[in-house]
Amino acid sequence: MDRFRSWALCVTLAAGSAAAVWPAAKGDAEKGKEIFQPCGVCHLPDSEDKKMGPGLKGLFKREKMANGKKLTESNVRTQIDDGGKGMPSYKDMLTDGEKDDLIAYLKTL
């Protein structure tokens, strides 16, 4: 019985440590693809070429965003929230969950 408890404790601690190192991914990329559809008027999802706004293919593989800021999930969320240079603000148009879904989709491009 003591061996089982020790083993169970080790497994539980290991699982907790793994969750701390690799947090669960936020958002659903499939839902994000649907949310992205209106964005496709200005942004190409399958090209780096500029349409009205920058092409987003490989977005999360870049060092910087088109505005020169370091490419981080937080900076992408701020861009979605605040807009700028012709892009509308989506702060009040999308829920936090929808933004998570959208960012999850952008990571697949």
PDB file of N, CA and C in Angstrom:
ATOM      1  N   MET A   1       0.815  -1.184   0.000  1.00  0.00           N
ATOM      2  CA  MET A   1       0.000   0.000   0.000  1.00  0.00           C
ATOM      3  C   MET A   1       0.865   1.256   0.000  1.00  0.00           C
ATOM      4  N   ASP A   2       1.961   1.243   0.796  1.00  0.00           N
ATOM      5  CA  ASP A   2       2.838   2.397   0.859  1.00  0.00           C
ATOM      6  C   ASP A   2       3.520   2.652  -0.482  1.00  0.00           C
ATOM      7  N   ARG A   3       3.884   1.574  -1.175  1.00  0.00           N
ATOM      8  CA  ARG A   3       4.496   1.739  -2.495  1.00  0.00           C
ATOM      9  C   ARG A   3       3.512   2.388  -3.463  1.00  0.00           C
ATOM     10  N   PHE A   4       2.280   1.948  -3.410  1.00  0.00           N
ATOM     11  CA  PHE A   4       1.264   2.516  -4.292  1.00  0.00           C
ATOM     12  C   PHE A   4       1.079   4.007  -4.016  1.00  0.00           C
ATOM     13  N   ARG A   5       1.002   4.378  -2.762  1.00  0.00           N
ATOM     14  CA  ARG A   5       0.844   5.791  -2.395  1.00  0.00           C
ATOM     15  C   ARG A   5       2.049   6.607  -2.863  1.00  0.00           C
ATOM     16  N   SER A   6       3.234   6.076  -2.676  1.00  0.00           N
ATOM     17  CA  SER A   6       4.446   6.768  -3.127  1.00  0.00           C
ATOM     18  C   SER A   6       4.421   6.952  -4.636  1.00  0.00           C
ATOM     19  N   TRP A   7       4.052   5.896  -5.339  1.00  0.00           N
ATOM     20  CA  TRP A   7       3.975   5.957  -6.799  1.00  0.00           C
ATOM     21  C   TRP A   7       2.926   6.977  -7.233  1.00  0.00           C
ATOM     22  N   ALA A   8       1.752   6.943  -6.606  1.00  0.00           N
ATOM     23  CA  ALA A   8       0.672   7.871  -6.948  1.00  0.00           C
ATOM     24  C   ALA A   8       1.102   9.306  -6.683  1.00  0.00           C
ATOM     25  N   LEU A   9       1.795   9.536  -5.588  1.00  0.00           N
ATOM     26  CA  LEU A   9       2.278  10.878  -5.263  1.00  0.00           C
ATOM     27  C   LEU A   9       3.269  11.352  -6.317  1.00  0.00           C
ATOM     28  N   CYS A  10       4.184  10.484  -6.724  1.00  0.00           N
ATOM     29  CA  CYS A  10       5.168  10.843  -7.753  1.00  0.00           C
ATOM     30  C   CYS A  10       4.495  11.191  -9.077  1.00  0.00           C
ATOM     31  N   VAL A  11       3.528  10.388  -9.466  1.00  0.00           N
ATOM     32  CA  VAL A  11       2.807  10.642 -10.712  1.00  0.00           C
ATOM     33  C   VAL A  11       2.069  11.975 -10.629  1.00  0.00           C
ATOM     34  N   THR A  12       1.430  12.244  -9.514  1.00  0.00           N
ATOM     35  CA  THR A  12       0.697  13.493  -9.338  1.00  0.00           C
ATOM     36  C   THR A  12       1.637  14.687  -9.393  1.00  0.00           C
ATOM     37  N   LEU A  13       2.765  14.603  -8.719  1.00  0.00           N
ATOM     38  CA  LEU A  13       3.734  15.695  -8.741  1.00  0.00           C
ATOM     39  C   LEU A  13       4.311  15.904 -10.132  1.00  0.00           C
ATOM     40  N   ALA A  14       4.601  14.818 -10.815  1.00  0.00           N
ATOM     41  CA  ALA A  14       5.138  14.917 -12.170  1.00  0.00           C
ATOM     42  C   ALA A  14       4.124  15.566 -13.104  1.00  0.00           C
ATOM     43  N   ALA A  15       2.874  15.176 -12.988  1.00  0.00           N
ATOM     44  CA  ALA A  15       1.825  15.760 -13.832  1.00  0.00           C
ATOM     45  C   ALA A  15       1.669  17.239 -13.532  1.00  0.00           C
ATOM     46  N   GLY A  16       1.709  17.616 -12.269  1.00  0.00           N
ATOM     47  CA  GLY A  16       1.603  19.024 -11.894  1.00  0.00           C
ATOM     48  C   GLY A  16       2.776  19.826 -12.403  1.00  0.00           C
ATOM     49  N   SER A  17       3.983  19.264 -12.353  1.00  0.00           N
ATOM     50  CA  SER A  17       5.174  19.937 -12.859  1.00  0.00           C
ATOM     51  C   SER A  17       5.089  20.113 -14.365  1.00  0.00           C
ATOM     52  N   ALA A  18       4.614  19.105 -15.066  1.00  0.00           N
ATOM     53  CA  ALA A  18       4.484  19.200 -16.516  1.00  0.00           C
ATOM     54  C   ALA A  18       3.482  20.280 -16.894  1.00  0.00           C
ATOM     55  N   ALA A  19       2.408  20.395 -16.145  1.00  0.00           N
ATOM     56  CA  ALA A  19       1.408  21.418 -16.439  1.00  0.00           C
ATOM     57  C   ALA A  19       1.987  22.803 -16.224  1.00  0.00           C
ATOM     58  N   ALA A  20       2.876  22.957 -15.260  1.00  0.00           N
ATOM     59  CA  ALA A  20       3.496  24.258 -15.016  1.00  0.00           C
ATOM     60  C   ALA A  20       4.468  24.619 -16.126  1.00  0.00           C
ATOM     61  N   VAL A  21       5.167  23.623 -16.669  1.00  0.00           N
ATOM     62  CA  VAL A  21       6.132  23.871 -17.734  1.00  0.00           C
ATOM     63  C   VAL A  21       5.428  24.046 -19.074  1.00  0.00           C
ATOM     64  N   TRP A  22       4.429  23.224 -19.350  1.00  0.00           N
ATOM     65  CA  TRP A  22       3.690  23.275 -20.607  1.00  0.00           C
ATOM     66  C   TRP A  22       2.232  23.581 -20.335  1.00  0.00           C
ATOM     67  N   PRO A  23       1.914  24.883 -20.188  1.00  0.00           N
ATOM     68  CA  PRO A  23       0.518  25.206 -19.906  1.00  0.00           C
ATOM     69  C   PRO A  23      -0.383  24.794 -21.071  1.00  0.00           C
ATOM     70  N   ALA A  24      -1.609  24.495 -20.741  1.00  0.00           N
ATOM     71  CA  ALA A  24      -2.570  24.101 -21.768  1.00  0.00           C
ATOM     72  C   ALA A  24      -2.739  25.243 -22.770  1.00  0.00           C
ATOM     73  N   ALA A  25      -2.803  24.882 -24.032  1.00  0.00           N
ATOM     74  CA  ALA A  25      -2.981  25.887 -25.073  1.00  0.00           C
ATOM     75  C   ALA A  25      -4.355  26.532 -24.919  1.00  0.00           C
ATOM     76  N   LYS A  26      -4.363  27.856 -25.097  1.00  0.00           N
ATOM     77  CA  LYS A  26      -5.631  28.562 -25.022  1.00  0.00           C
ATOM     78  C   LYS A  26      -6.205  28.656 -26.426  1.00  0.00           C
ATOM     79  N   GLY A  27      -7.501  28.610 -26.504  1.00  0.00           N
ATOM     80  CA  GLY A  27      -8.167  28.841 -27.771  1.00  0.00           C
ATOM     81  C   GLY A  27      -8.325  27.613 -28.632  1.00  0.00           C
ATOM     82  N   ASP A  28      -9.261  27.716 -29.562  1.00  0.00           N
ATOM     83  CA  ASP A  28      -9.589  26.659 -30.513  1.00  0.00           C
ATOM     84  C   ASP A  28      -9.346  27.207 -31.916  1.00  0.00           C
ATOM     85  N   ALA A  29      -8.338  26.676 -32.586  1.00  0.00           N
ATOM     86  CA  ALA A  29      -7.952  27.184 -33.898  1.00  0.00           C
ATOM     87  C   ALA A  29      -9.076  27.073 -34.927  1.00  0.00           C
ATOM     88  N   GLU A  30      -9.895  26.016 -34.847  1.00  0.00           N
ATOM     89  CA  GLU A  30     -11.011  25.874 -35.801  1.00  0.00           C
ATOM     90  C   GLU A  30     -12.028  27.002 -35.623  1.00  0.00           C
ATOM     91  N   LYS A  31     -12.349  27.308 -34.375  1.00  0.00           N
ATOM     92  CA  LYS A  31     -13.249  28.445 -34.119  1.00  0.00           C
ATOM     93  C   LYS A  31     -12.591  29.738 -34.554  1.00  0.00           C
ATOM     94  N   GLY A  32     -11.291  29.846 -34.312  1.00  0.00           N
ATOM     95  CA  GLY A  32     -10.550  31.037 -34.701  1.00  0.00           C
ATOM     96  C   GLY A  32     -10.558  31.264 -36.200  1.00  0.00           C
ATOM     97  N   LYS A  33     -10.546  30.174 -36.965  1.00  0.00           N
ATOM     98  CA  LYS A  33     -10.597  30.291 -38.428  1.00  0.00           C
ATOM     99  C   LYS A  33     -11.909  30.933 -38.861  1.00  0.00           C
ATOM    100  N   GLU A  34     -12.989  30.552 -38.200  1.00  0.00           N
ATOM    101  CA  GLU A  34     -14.291  31.159 -38.494  1.00  0.00           C
ATOM    102  C   GLU A  34     -14.301  32.645 -38.115  1.00  0.00           C
ATOM    103  N   ILE A  35     -13.737  32.949 -36.962  1.00  0.00           N
ATOM    104  CA  ILE A  35     -13.679  34.341 -36.489  1.00  0.00           C
ATOM    105  C   ILE A  35     -12.842  35.183 -37.439  1.00  0.00           C
ATOM    106  N   PHE A  36     -11.815  34.581 -38.035  1.00  0.00           N
ATOM    107  CA  PHE A  36     -10.903  35.292 -38.935  1.00  0.00           C
ATOM    108  C   PHE A  36     -11.557  35.704 -40.253  1.00  0.00           C
ATOM    109  N   GLN A  37     -12.619  35.039 -40.670  1.00  0.00           N
ATOM    110  CA  GLN A  37     -13.189  35.260 -42.002  1.00  0.00           C
ATOM    111  C   GLN A  37     -13.347  36.741 -42.363  1.00  0.00           C
ATOM    112  N   PRO A  38     -13.955  37.589 -41.516  1.00  0.00           N
ATOM    113  CA  PRO A  38     -14.064  39.005 -41.883  1.00  0.00           C
ATOM    114  C   PRO A  38     -12.704  39.696 -41.983  1.00  0.00           C
ATOM    115  N   CYS A  39     -11.708  39.191 -41.274  1.00  0.00           N
ATOM    116  CA  CYS A  39     -10.364  39.776 -41.309  1.00  0.00           C
ATOM    117  C   CYS A  39      -9.723  39.575 -42.686  1.00  0.00           C
ATOM    118  N   GLY A  40     -10.182  38.534 -43.400  1.00  0.00           N
ATOM    119  CA  GLY A  40      -9.645  38.213 -44.712  1.00  0.00           C
ATOM    120  C   GLY A  40      -9.912  39.293 -45.750  1.00  0.00           C
ATOM    121  N   VAL A  41     -10.788  40.234 -45.448  1.00  0.00           N
ATOM    122  CA  VAL A  41     -11.009  41.366 -46.349  1.00  0.00           C
ATOM    123  C   VAL A  41      -9.720  42.181 -46.448  1.00  0.00           C
ATOM    124  N   CYS A  42      -8.987  42.267 -45.349  1.00  0.00           N
ATOM    125  CA  CYS A  42      -7.771  43.090 -45.304  1.00  0.00           C
ATOM    126  C   CYS A  42      -6.473  42.290 -45.187  1.00  0.00           C
ATOM    127  N   HIS A  43      -6.539  41.081 -44.638  1.00  0.00           N
ATOM    128  CA  HIS A  43      -5.341  40.295 -44.369  1.00  0.00           C
ATOM    129  C   HIS A  43      -5.392  38.957 -45.102  1.00  0.00           C
ATOM    130  N   LEU A  44      -4.298  38.621 -45.785  1.00  0.00           N
ATOM    131  CA  LEU A  44      -4.190  37.320 -46.445  1.00  0.00           C
ATOM    132  C   LEU A  44      -3.672  36.292 -45.440  1.00  0.00           C
ATOM    133  N   PRO A  45      -4.399  35.200 -45.232  1.00  0.00           N
ATOM    134  CA  PRO A  45      -3.935  34.189 -44.279  1.00  0.00           C
ATOM    135  C   PRO A  45      -2.884  33.248 -44.855  1.00  0.00           C
ATOM    136  N   ASP A  46      -2.774  33.203 -46.187  1.00  0.00           N
ATOM    137  CA  ASP A  46      -1.900  32.227 -46.830  1.00  0.00           C
ATOM    138  C   ASP A  46      -0.753  32.863 -47.602  1.00  0.00           C
ATOM    139  N   SER A  47      -0.452  34.116 -47.262  1.00  0.00           N
ATOM    140  CA  SER A  47       0.610  34.842 -47.941  1.00  0.00           C
ATOM    141  C   SER A  47       1.190  35.891 -46.999  1.00  0.00           C
ATOM    142  N   GLU A  48       2.437  36.257 -47.239  1.00  0.00           N
ATOM    143  CA  GLU A  48       3.058  37.341 -46.496  1.00  0.00           C
ATOM    144  C   GLU A  48       2.849  38.676 -47.203  1.00  0.00           C
ATOM    145  N   ASP A  49       2.256  38.623 -48.415  1.00  0.00           N
ATOM    146  CA  ASP A  49       2.023  39.846 -49.189  1.00  0.00           C
ATOM    147  C   ASP A  49       0.984  40.718 -48.519  1.00  0.00           C
ATOM    148  N   LYS A  50       1.172  42.013 -48.670  1.00  0.00           N
ATOM    149  CA  LYS A  50       0.236  42.964 -48.107  1.00  0.00           C
ATOM    150  C   LYS A  50      -1.005  43.039 -48.977  1.00  0.00           C
ATOM    151  N   LYS A  51      -2.146  43.044 -48.357  1.00  0.00           N
ATOM    152  CA  LYS A  51      -3.424  43.295 -49.028  1.00  0.00           C
ATOM    153  C   LYS A  51      -3.737  44.734 -48.639  1.00  0.00           C
ATOM    154  N   MET A  52      -4.665  44.978 -47.759  1.00  0.00           N
ATOM    155  CA  MET A  52      -4.821  46.301 -47.140  1.00  0.00           C
ATOM    156  C   MET A  52      -3.954  46.337 -45.878  1.00  0.00           C
ATOM    157  N   GLY A  53      -3.963  45.223 -45.154  1.00  0.00           N
ATOM    158  CA  GLY A  53      -3.102  45.044 -43.993  1.00  0.00           C
ATOM    159  C   GLY A  53      -2.075  43.983 -44.333  1.00  0.00           C
ATOM    160  N   PRO A  54      -1.127  43.741 -43.448  1.00  0.00           N
ATOM    161  CA  PRO A  54      -0.077  42.764 -43.742  1.00  0.00           C
ATOM    162  C   PRO A  54      -0.610  41.342 -43.893  1.00  0.00           C
ATOM    163  N   GLY A  55       0.031  40.578 -44.768  1.00  0.00           N
ATOM    164  CA  GLY A  55      -0.264  39.158 -44.884  1.00  0.00           C
ATOM    165  C   GLY A  55       0.162  38.460 -43.605  1.00  0.00           C
ATOM    166  N   LEU A  56      -0.560  37.438 -43.203  1.00  0.00           N
ATOM    167  CA  LEU A  56      -0.339  36.835 -41.897  1.00  0.00           C
ATOM    168  C   LEU A  56       0.261  35.433 -41.932  1.00  0.00           C
ATOM    169  N   LYS A  57       0.609  34.947 -43.126  1.00  0.00           N
ATOM    170  CA  LYS A  57       1.227  33.621 -43.209  1.00  0.00           C
ATOM    171  C   LYS A  57       2.532  33.636 -42.417  1.00  0.00           C
ATOM    172  N   GLY A  58       2.689  32.662 -41.537  1.00  0.00           N
ATOM    173  CA  GLY A  58       3.906  32.560 -40.739  1.00  0.00           C
ATOM    174  C   GLY A  58       4.048  33.634 -39.680  1.00  0.00           C
ATOM    175  N   LEU A  59       2.936  34.239 -39.297  1.00  0.00           N
ATOM    176  CA  LEU A  59       2.978  35.367 -38.354  1.00  0.00           C
ATOM    177  C   LEU A  59       3.791  35.051 -37.108  1.00  0.00           C
ATOM    178  N   PHE A  60       3.512  33.943 -36.448  1.00  0.00           N
ATOM    179  CA  PHE A  60       4.164  33.645 -35.181  1.00  0.00           C
ATOM    180  C   PHE A  60       5.584  33.078 -35.354  1.00  0.00           C
ATOM    181  N   LYS A  61       6.069  33.042 -36.587  1.00  0.00           N
ATOM    182  CA  LYS A  61       7.461  32.660 -36.837  1.00  0.00           C
ATOM    183  C   LYS A  61       8.333  33.902 -37.029  1.00  0.00           C
ATOM    184  N   ARG A  62       7.710  35.062 -37.060  1.00  0.00           N
ATOM    185  CA  ARG A  62       8.438  36.316 -37.274  1.00  0.00           C
ATOM    186  C   ARG A  62       8.973  36.863 -35.959  1.00  0.00           C
ATOM    187  N   GLU A  63       9.984  37.700 -36.066  1.00  0.00           N
ATOM    188  CA  GLU A  63      10.528  38.355 -34.886  1.00  0.00           C
ATOM    189  C   GLU A  63       9.697  39.568 -34.500  1.00  0.00           C
ATOM    190  N   LYS A  64       9.229  40.302 -35.532  1.00  0.00           N
ATOM    191  CA  LYS A  64       8.510  41.545 -35.274  1.00  0.00           C
ATOM    192  C   LYS A  64       7.212  41.598 -36.056  1.00  0.00           C
ATOM    193  N   MET A  65       6.296  42.386 -35.521  1.00  0.00           N
ATOM    194  CA  MET A  65       5.031  42.640 -36.202  1.00  0.00           C
ATOM    195  C   MET A  65       5.257  43.776 -37.209  1.00  0.00           C
ATOM    196  N   ALA A  66       4.289  44.027 -38.055  1.00  0.00           N
ATOM    197  CA  ALA A  66       4.398  45.080 -39.061  1.00  0.00           C
ATOM    198  C   ALA A  66       4.603  46.450 -38.418  1.00  0.00           C
ATOM    199  N   ASN A  67       4.124  46.625 -37.179  1.00  0.00           N
ATOM    200  CA  ASN A  67       4.283  47.907 -36.496  1.00  0.00           C
ATOM    201  C   ASN A  67       5.643  48.036 -35.804  1.00  0.00           C
ATOM    202  N   GLY A  68       6.499  47.010 -35.966  1.00  0.00           N
ATOM    203  CA  GLY A  68       7.837  47.044 -35.397  1.00  0.00           C
ATOM    204  C   GLY A  68       7.958  46.468 -33.994  1.00  0.00           C
ATOM    205  N   LYS A  69       6.830  46.186 -33.364  1.00  0.00           N
ATOM    206  CA  LYS A  69       6.873  45.623 -32.010  1.00  0.00           C
ATOM    207  C   LYS A  69       7.265  44.149 -32.071  1.00  0.00           C
ATOM    208  N   LYS A  70       7.899  43.691 -30.979  1.00  0.00           N
ATOM    209  CA  LYS A  70       8.262  42.280 -30.873  1.00  0.00           C
ATOM    210  C   LYS A  70       7.005  41.431 -31.002  1.00  0.00           C
ATOM    211  N   LEU A  71       7.107  40.340 -31.738  1.00  0.00           N
ATOM    212  CA  LEU A  71       5.935  39.495 -31.930  1.00  0.00           C
ATOM    213  C   LEU A  71       5.752  38.583 -30.727  1.00  0.00           C
ATOM    214  N   THR A  72       4.782  38.935 -29.928  1.00  0.00           N
ATOM    215  CA  THR A  72       4.386  38.119 -28.783  1.00  0.00           C
ATOM    216  C   THR A  72       2.876  37.977 -28.835  1.00  0.00           C
ATOM    217  N   GLU A  73       2.378  36.982 -28.150  1.00  0.00           N
ATOM    218  CA  GLU A  73       0.928  36.789 -28.084  1.00  0.00           C
ATOM    219  C   GLU A  73       0.259  38.033 -27.490  1.00  0.00           C
ATOM    220  N   SER A  74       0.882  38.614 -26.486  1.00  0.00           N
ATOM    221  CA  SER A  74       0.341  39.810 -25.836  1.00  0.00           C
ATOM    222  C   SER A  74       0.271  40.988 -26.807  1.00  0.00           C
ATOM    223  N   ASN A  75       1.321  41.181 -27.623  1.00  0.00           N
ATOM    224  CA  ASN A  75       1.318  42.288 -28.578  1.00  0.00           C
ATOM    225  C   ASN A  75       0.301  42.066 -29.698  1.00  0.00           C
ATOM    226  N   VAL A  76       0.111  40.825 -30.100  1.00  0.00           N
ATOM    227  CA  VAL A  76      -0.908  40.527 -31.117  1.00  0.00           C
ATOM    228  C   VAL A  76      -2.292  40.828 -30.542  1.00  0.00           C
ATOM    229  N   ARG A  77      -2.527  40.427 -29.305  1.00  0.00           N
ATOM    230  CA  ARG A  77      -3.816  40.702 -28.652  1.00  0.00           C
ATOM    231  C   ARG A  77      -4.042  42.216 -28.543  1.00  0.00           C
ATOM    232  N   THR A  78      -3.000  42.971 -28.210  1.00  0.00           N
ATOM    233  CA  THR A  78      -3.122  44.432 -28.123  1.00  0.00           C
ATOM    234  C   THR A  78      -3.471  45.015 -29.482  1.00  0.00           C
ATOM    235  N   GLN A  79      -2.864  44.491 -30.542  1.00  0.00           N
ATOM    236  CA  GLN A  79      -3.174  44.967 -31.897  1.00  0.00           C
ATOM    237  C   GLN A  79      -4.638  44.682 -32.240  1.00  0.00           C
ATOM    238  N   ILE A  80      -5.109  43.495 -31.881  1.00  0.00           N
ATOM    239  CA  ILE A  80      -6.515  43.145 -32.122  1.00  0.00           C
ATOM    240  C   ILE A  80      -7.420  44.098 -31.327  1.00  0.00           C
ATOM    241  N   ASP A  81      -7.070  44.332 -30.065  1.00  0.00           N
ATOM    242  CA  ASP A  81      -7.879  45.193 -29.206  1.00  0.00           C
ATOM    243  C   ASP A  81      -7.889  46.644 -29.675  1.00  0.00           C
ATOM    244  N   ASP A  82      -6.705  47.178 -29.987  1.00  0.00           N
ATOM    245  CA  ASP A  82      -6.580  48.608 -30.261  1.00  0.00           C
ATOM    246  C   ASP A  82      -6.701  48.975 -31.727  1.00  0.00           C
ATOM    247  N   GLY A  83      -6.368  48.043 -32.628  1.00  0.00           N
ATOM    248  CA  GLY A  83      -6.372  48.365 -34.049  1.00  0.00           C
ATOM    249  C   GLY A  83      -5.282  49.386 -34.349  1.00  0.00           C
ATOM    250  N   GLY A  84      -5.517  50.209 -35.357  1.00  0.00           N
ATOM    251  CA  GLY A  84      -4.563  51.247 -35.732  1.00  0.00           C
ATOM    252  C   GLY A  84      -4.204  51.163 -37.195  1.00  0.00           C
ATOM    253  N   LYS A  85      -3.828  52.309 -37.773  1.00  0.00           N
ATOM    254  CA  LYS A  85      -3.456  52.406 -39.192  1.00  0.00           C
ATOM    255  C   LYS A  85      -4.514  51.779 -40.091  1.00  0.00           C
ATOM    256  N   GLY A  86      -5.761  52.136 -39.864  1.00  0.00           N
ATOM    257  CA  GLY A  86      -6.861  51.644 -40.682  1.00  0.00           C
ATOM    258  C   GLY A  86      -7.557  50.411 -40.139  1.00  0.00           C
ATOM    259  N   MET A  87      -6.927  49.707 -39.216  1.00  0.00           N
ATOM    260  CA  MET A  87      -7.547  48.518 -38.619  1.00  0.00           C
ATOM    261  C   MET A  87      -8.453  48.958 -37.476  1.00  0.00           C
ATOM    262  N   PRO A  88      -9.696  48.509 -37.490  1.00  0.00           N
ATOM    263  CA  PRO A  88     -10.595  48.882 -36.385  1.00  0.00           C
ATOM    264  C   PRO A  88     -10.228  48.157 -35.090  1.00  0.00           C
ATOM    265  N   SER A  89     -10.662  48.703 -33.995  1.00  0.00           N
ATOM    266  CA  SER A  89     -10.495  48.064 -32.697  1.00  0.00           C
ATOM    267  C   SER A  89     -11.531  46.959 -32.556  1.00  0.00           C
ATOM    268  N   TYR A  90     -11.090  45.811 -32.081  1.00  0.00           N
ATOM    269  CA  TYR A  90     -11.997  44.693 -31.840  1.00  0.00           C
ATOM    270  C   TYR A  90     -12.161  44.416 -30.354  1.00  0.00           C
ATOM    271  N   LYS A  91     -11.694  45.367 -29.537  1.00  0.00           N
ATOM    272  CA  LYS A  91     -11.734  45.184 -28.085  1.00  0.00           C
ATOM    273  C   LYS A  91     -13.132  44.851 -27.582  1.00  0.00           C
ATOM    274  N   ASP A  92     -14.121  45.580 -28.081  1.00  0.00           N
ATOM    275  CA  ASP A  92     -15.492  45.368 -27.634  1.00  0.00           C
ATOM    276  C   ASP A  92     -16.298  44.494 -28.595  1.00  0.00           C
ATOM    277  N   MET A  93     -15.702  44.108 -29.714  1.00  0.00           N
ATOM    278  CA  MET A  93     -16.423  43.285 -30.689  1.00  0.00           C
ATOM    279  C   MET A  93     -16.212  41.799 -30.466  1.00  0.00           C
ATOM    280  N   LEU A  94     -15.066  41.435 -29.863  1.00  0.00           N
ATOM    281  CA  LEU A  94     -14.744  40.029 -29.625  1.00  0.00           C
ATOM    282  C   LEU A  94     -14.589  39.781 -28.135  1.00  0.00           C
ATOM    283  N   THR A  95     -15.064  38.648 -27.684  1.00  0.00           N
ATOM    284  CA  THR A  95     -14.867  38.264 -26.290  1.00  0.00           C
ATOM    285  C   THR A  95     -13.420  37.814 -26.109  1.00  0.00           C
ATOM    286  N   ASP A  96     -12.980  37.697 -24.860  1.00  0.00           N
ATOM    287  CA  ASP A  96     -11.632  37.193 -24.598  1.00  0.00           C
ATOM    288  C   ASP A  96     -11.465  35.793 -25.162  1.00  0.00           C
ATOM    289  N   GLY A  97     -12.495  34.961 -25.047  1.00  0.00           N
ATOM    290  CA  GLY A  97     -12.437  33.608 -25.598  1.00  0.00           C
ATOM    291  C   GLY A  97     -12.301  33.611 -27.111  1.00  0.00           C
ATOM    292  N   GLU A  98     -13.014  34.506 -27.781  1.00  0.00           N
ATOM    293  CA  GLU A  98     -12.910  34.604 -29.239  1.00  0.00           C
ATOM    294  C   GLU A  98     -11.516  35.078 -29.642  1.00  0.00           C
ATOM    295  N   LYS A  99     -10.940  35.978 -28.861  1.00  0.00           N
ATOM    296  CA  LYS A  99      -9.569  36.428 -29.138  1.00  0.00           C
ATOM    297  C   LYS A  99      -8.585  35.271 -28.944  1.00  0.00           C
ATOM    298  N   ASP A 100      -8.798  34.454 -27.917  1.00  0.00           N
ATOM    299  CA  ASP A 100      -7.968  33.265 -27.717  1.00  0.00           C
ATOM    300  C   ASP A 100      -8.069  32.341 -28.926  1.00  0.00           C
ATOM    301  N   ASP A 101      -9.289  32.139 -29.424  1.00  0.00           N
ATOM    302  CA  ASP A 101      -9.510  31.289 -30.596  1.00  0.00           C
ATOM    303  C   ASP A 101      -8.816  31.881 -31.821  1.00  0.00           C
ATOM    304  N   LEU A 102      -8.943  33.184 -32.007  1.00  0.00           N
ATOM    305  CA  LEU A 102      -8.327  33.850 -33.152  1.00  0.00           C
ATOM    306  C   LEU A 102      -6.811  33.724 -33.097  1.00  0.00           C
ATOM    307  N   ILE A 103      -6.227  33.946 -31.948  1.00  0.00           N
ATOM    308  CA  ILE A 103      -4.768  33.825 -31.802  1.00  0.00           C
ATOM    309  C   ILE A 103      -4.329  32.380 -32.018  1.00  0.00           C
ATOM    310  N   ALA A 104      -5.109  31.420 -31.543  1.00  0.00           N
ATOM    311  CA  ALA A 104      -4.790  30.011 -31.780  1.00  0.00           C
ATOM    312  C   ALA A 104      -4.766  29.738 -33.277  1.00  0.00           C
ATOM    313  N   TYR A 105      -5.709  30.311 -34.010  1.00  0.00           N
ATOM    314  CA  TYR A 105      -5.725  30.142 -35.477  1.00  0.00           C
ATOM    315  C   TYR A 105      -4.518  30.822 -36.110  1.00  0.00           C
ATOM    316  N   LEU A 106      -4.209  32.035 -35.706  1.00  0.00           N
ATOM    317  CA  LEU A 106      -3.076  32.757 -36.281  1.00  0.00           C
ATOM    318  C   LEU A 106      -1.775  31.984 -36.092  1.00  0.00           C
ATOM    319  N   LYS A 107      -1.677  31.235 -35.014  1.00  0.00           N
ATOM    320  CA  LYS A 107      -0.476  30.432 -34.759  1.00  0.00           C
ATOM    321  C   LYS A 107      -0.347  29.280 -35.748  1.00  0.00           C
ATOM    322  N   THR A 108      -1.434  28.913 -36.414  1.00  0.00           N
ATOM    323  CA  THR A 108      -1.386  27.810 -37.387  1.00  0.00           C
ATOM    324  C   THR A 108      -0.982  28.280 -38.780  1.00  0.00           C
ATOM    325  N   LEU A 109      -0.964  29.567 -38.986  1.00  0.00           N
ATOM    326  CA  LEU A 109      -0.680  30.095 -40.339  1.00  0.00           C
ATOM    327  C   LEU A 109       0.785  29.998 -40.692  1.00  0.00           C
TER     328      LEU A 109
END
